[in-house]
Protein backbone atom coordinates (compact mmCIF):
# COMPACT_ATOMS: atom_id res chain seq x y z
CA MET A 1 6.24 -54.90 53.13
CA LYS A 2 2.78 -53.73 51.54
CA GLN A 3 4.35 -50.57 50.06
CA THR A 4 7.24 -52.25 48.27
CA THR A 5 5.86 -55.07 46.86
CA HIS A 6 2.73 -52.57 45.24
CA ILE A 7 6.45 -50.21 43.65
CA VAL A 8 7.54 -53.81 42.64
CA GLN A 9 4.79 -54.52 40.44
CA GLU A 10 3.88 -51.22 39.15
CA ALA A 11 7.43 -51.39 38.53
CA ASP A 12 7.05 -54.38 36.11
CA ARG A 13 3.19 -53.10 34.91
CA LEU A 14 5.51 -49.83 33.50
CA ARG A 15 8.34 -52.34 32.08
CA ASP A 16 5.76 -54.95 30.21
CA GLU A 17 4.04 -51.59 28.70
CA ARG A 18 6.97 -49.88 27.30
CA GLU A 19 8.16 -53.69 26.21
CA ARG A 20 4.86 -53.57 24.34
CA GLN A 21 5.06 -50.02 22.94
CA TRP A 22 8.57 -50.77 21.86
CA ARG A 23 7.05 -54.44 19.81
CA ARG A 24 4.48 -52.22 18.57
CA ALA A 25 6.98 -49.30 16.89
CA GLN A 26 9.43 -51.75 15.83
CA LYS A 27 6.59 -53.57 13.58
CA VAL A 28 5.43 -50.48 12.32
CA VAL A 29 9.24 -49.17 11.58
CA ARG A 30 9.39 -52.56 9.55
CA ALA A 31 5.61 -51.64 7.44
CA ALA A 32 7.00 -48.52 6.98
CA ALA A 33 10.37 -49.56 5.60
CA HIS A 34 8.55 -52.15 3.61
CA ASP A 35 6.22 -49.97 1.89
CA LEU A 36 8.40 -47.03 1.12
CA ARG A 37 11.34 -49.43 -0.43
CA ASN A 38 8.96 -51.01 -3.40
CA PRO A 39 7.80 -47.64 -4.25
CA LEU A 40 11.29 -46.32 -4.08
CA THR A 41 12.76 -49.31 -5.95
CA THR A 42 10.29 -48.38 -9.25
CA ILE A 43 11.35 -45.45 -9.11
CA ARG A 44 15.15 -45.90 -9.26
CA ALA A 45 14.53 -48.73 -12.08
CA ARG A 46 12.50 -46.47 -13.86
CA THR A 47 14.73 -43.34 -13.25
CA GLU A 48 17.70 -45.37 -14.77
CA LEU A 49 16.30 -46.27 -17.63
CA LEU A 50 15.26 -42.87 -18.60
CA LYS A 51 18.74 -42.18 -18.04
CA ARG A 52 20.06 -45.01 -20.18
CA SER A 53 17.33 -43.99 -22.59
CA LEU A 54 19.45 -40.44 -22.62
CA GLY A 55 22.44 -42.36 -23.33
CA ASN A 56 25.69 -40.63 -22.19
CA GLY A 57 25.10 -37.07 -23.05
CA GLN A 58 25.03 -34.14 -20.30
CA SER A 59 21.47 -32.82 -20.86
CA SER A 60 19.49 -31.21 -18.47
CA GLU A 61 17.39 -34.07 -18.40
CA ALA A 62 19.77 -36.26 -17.41
CA ARG A 63 21.51 -33.71 -15.02
CA HIS A 64 17.95 -33.54 -13.22
CA LEU A 65 17.55 -37.99 -13.78
CA ASP A 66 21.14 -37.70 -11.80
CA ALA A 67 19.61 -36.00 -8.81
CA ILE A 68 16.70 -38.31 -8.88
CA LEU A 69 18.95 -40.96 -8.33
CA ARG A 70 21.09 -39.25 -5.31
CA SER A 71 17.68 -38.44 -3.42
CA SER A 72 16.56 -42.19 -3.71
CA GLU A 73 19.81 -42.88 -2.86
CA ARG A 74 19.50 -40.76 0.32
CA LEU A 75 16.13 -42.03 1.15
CA GLU A 76 16.96 -45.48 0.73
CA ALA A 77 20.33 -44.93 3.22
CA LEU A 78 17.61 -42.68 5.81
CA ILE A 79 15.26 -46.05 5.54
CA ALA A 80 17.98 -48.23 6.16
CA GLN A 81 19.39 -46.94 8.86
CA LEU A 82 16.62 -46.69 10.40
CA SER A 83 15.68 -49.97 10.26
CA ILE A 84 18.66 -51.06 11.69
CA SER A 85 18.19 -49.14 14.58
CA PHE A 86 14.71 -50.29 15.34
CA ARG A 87 15.71 -53.74 14.45
CA GLU A 88 18.69 -53.60 16.79
CA GLY A 89 16.42 -52.54 19.83
CA THR A 90 18.54 -49.61 20.46
CA PRO A 91 17.15 -46.77 18.54
CA GLU A 92 20.22 -43.95 18.05
CA MET A 93 19.08 -40.74 16.95
CA GLY A 94 21.81 -39.72 15.56
CA PRO A 95 23.18 -41.58 12.89
CA ILE A 96 19.36 -41.11 11.71
CA LEU A 97 19.92 -37.78 12.10
CA GLU A 98 22.56 -37.69 10.13
CA ALA A 99 21.40 -39.66 7.28
CA ALA A 100 17.99 -37.54 7.40
CA LYS A 101 20.37 -34.39 7.52
CA GLU A 102 21.87 -35.77 3.97
CA ALA A 103 19.00 -36.12 2.50
CA GLU A 104 18.34 -33.12 2.16
CA PRO A 105 18.18 -31.56 -0.72
CA THR A 106 21.40 -29.64 -1.86
CA PRO A 107 21.19 -26.46 -4.28
CA HIS A 108 22.50 -27.41 -7.70
């Protein structure tokens, strides 16, 4: 009986520790997502302004700006997927890894 009580107490302690670690991980992910979104928003806005200032041309500068915008969209999707996974409490790595794969630079 004493051994069973000890096992139950240890299981409770491990569960509590896992829950504390999970809450810490969620807090880190929320903070990181916020800290990444702020500069990313600035990058997108400034890039869009630069692109507008170039007009509708197909210059190499416009193509570079398009690449920056595509990359920032992929980063936003990755951040969103990571945030959703941790907010829901079930971080499924499949969608996160898929979003990360899509965020990889593509040759132009």
